């Protein structure tokens, strides 16, 4: 497990970078001709989406 603390600016930049990479992956998936390559790109996109979901989820302080 990894914990990463970011400022609001850093968090915004990270989210933007992840979203840009997701867009890039989706374009690559659309262009991919080889099944294995397309499958690997889809897997990477799925993992990236899960990371984005967690980064964008509201943080609840533990009291």
C-alpha atoms as a PDB file:
ATOM      1  CA  UNK A   1       0.000   0.000   0.000  1.00  0.00           C
ATOM      2  CA  UNK A   2       1.226   3.463  -0.841  1.00  0.00           C
ATOM      3  CA  UNK A   3       0.188   6.782   0.614  1.00  0.00           C
ATOM      4  CA  UNK A   4       0.826   9.960  -1.325  1.00  0.00           C
ATOM      5  CA  UNK A   5       0.103  13.421   0.003  1.00  0.00           C
ATOM      6  CA  UNK A   6      -0.304  16.144  -2.583  1.00  0.00           C
ATOM      7  CA  UNK A   7      -1.110  19.813  -2.550  1.00  0.00           C
ATOM      8  CA  UNK A   8      -4.260  20.856  -4.388  1.00  0.00           C
ATOM      9  CA  UNK A   9      -2.121  22.054  -7.313  1.00  0.00           C
ATOM     10  CA  UNK A  10      -0.191  18.779  -7.451  1.00  0.00           C
ATOM     11  CA  UNK A  11      -3.396  16.757  -7.277  1.00  0.00           C
ATOM     12  CA  UNK A  12      -4.926  18.743 -10.128  1.00  0.00           C
ATOM     13  CA  UNK A  13      -1.809  18.256 -12.254  1.00  0.00           C
ATOM     14  CA  UNK A  14      -1.713  14.518 -11.530  1.00  0.00           C
ATOM     15  CA  UNK A  15      -5.377  14.110 -12.457  1.00  0.00           C
ATOM     16  CA  UNK A  16      -4.869  16.089 -15.676  1.00  0.00           C
ATOM     17  CA  UNK A  17      -1.849  13.992 -16.637  1.00  0.00           C
ATOM     18  CA  UNK A  18      -3.682  10.744 -15.942  1.00  0.00           C
ATOM     19  CA  UNK A  19      -6.694  11.899 -17.969  1.00  0.00           C
ATOM     20  CA  UNK A  20      -4.450  12.916 -20.882  1.00  0.00           C
ATOM     21  CA  UNK A  21      -2.764   9.525 -20.812  1.00  0.00           C
ATOM     22  CA  UNK A  22      -6.153   7.810 -20.686  1.00  0.00           C
ATOM     23  CA  UNK A  23      -7.207   9.740 -23.802  1.00  0.00           C
ATOM     24  CA  UNK A  24      -3.962   8.728 -25.502  1.00  0.00           C
ATOM     25  CA  UNK A  25      -4.517   5.064 -24.597  1.00  0.00           C
ATOM     26  CA  UNK A  26      -8.062   5.141 -25.959  1.00  0.00           C
ATOM     27  CA  UNK A  27      -6.761   6.542 -29.269  1.00  0.00           C
ATOM     28  CA  UNK A  28      -4.090   3.851 -29.402  1.00  0.00           C
ATOM     29  CA  UNK A  29      -6.675   1.135 -28.694  1.00  0.00           C
ATOM     30  CA  UNK A  30      -8.791   2.412 -31.585  1.00  0.00           C
ATOM     31  CA  UNK A  31      -5.787   2.248 -33.947  1.00  0.00           C
ATOM     32  CA  UNK A  32      -4.331  -1.069 -32.741  1.00  0.00           C
ATOM     33  CA  UNK A  33      -4.517  -3.923 -35.224  1.00  0.00           C
ATOM     34  CA  UNK A  34      -2.937  -6.718 -33.190  1.00  0.00           C
ATOM     35  CA  UNK A  35      -5.230  -8.426 -30.703  1.00  0.00           C
ATOM     36  CA  UNK A  36      -2.548  -8.936 -28.029  1.00  0.00           C
ATOM     37  CA  UNK A  37      -1.399  -5.321 -28.203  1.00  0.00           C
ATOM     38  CA  UNK A  38      -4.970  -4.018 -28.054  1.00  0.00           C
ATOM     39  CA  UNK A  39      -5.696  -6.309 -25.087  1.00  0.00           C
ATOM     40  CA  UNK A  40      -2.648  -5.002 -23.196  1.00  0.00           C
ATOM     41  CA  UNK A  41      -3.663  -1.395 -23.928  1.00  0.00           C
ATOM     42  CA  UNK A  42      -7.197  -2.099 -22.647  1.00  0.00           C
ATOM     43  CA  UNK A  43      -5.760  -3.603 -19.472  1.00  0.00           C
ATOM     44  CA  UNK A  44      -3.552  -0.554 -18.920  1.00  0.00           C
ATOM     45  CA  UNK A  45      -6.549   1.719 -19.502  1.00  0.00           C
ATOM     46  CA  UNK A  46      -8.595  -0.231 -16.949  1.00  0.00           C
ATOM     47  CA  UNK A  47      -5.829   0.070 -14.354  1.00  0.00           C
ATOM     48  CA  UNK A  48      -5.472   3.780 -15.131  1.00  0.00           C
ATOM     49  CA  UNK A  49      -9.222   4.309 -14.706  1.00  0.00           C
ATOM     50  CA  UNK A  50      -9.077   2.609 -11.299  1.00  0.00           C
ATOM     51  CA  UNK A  51      -6.229   4.893 -10.247  1.00  0.00           C
ATOM     52  CA  UNK A  52      -8.131   7.953 -11.469  1.00  0.00           C
ATOM     53  CA  UNK A  53     -11.212   6.862  -9.538  1.00  0.00           C
ATOM     54  CA  UNK A  54      -9.194   6.584  -6.333  1.00  0.00           C
ATOM     55  CA  UNK A  55      -7.358   9.882  -6.853  1.00  0.00           C
ATOM     56  CA  UNK A  56     -10.637  11.691  -7.515  1.00  0.00           C
ATOM     57  CA  UNK A  57     -12.541  10.054  -4.639  1.00  0.00           C
ATOM     58  CA  UNK A  58     -13.245  12.358  -1.704  1.00  0.00           C
ATOM     59  CA  UNK A  59     -10.955  11.810   1.244  1.00  0.00           C
ATOM     60  CA  UNK A  60     -12.656  11.162   4.564  1.00  0.00           C
ATOM     61  CA  UNK A  61     -10.606  12.026   7.603  1.00  0.00           C
ATOM     62  CA  UNK A  62     -10.391   9.295  10.205  1.00  0.00           C
ATOM     63  CA  UNK A  63     -11.330  10.606  13.643  1.00  0.00           C
END
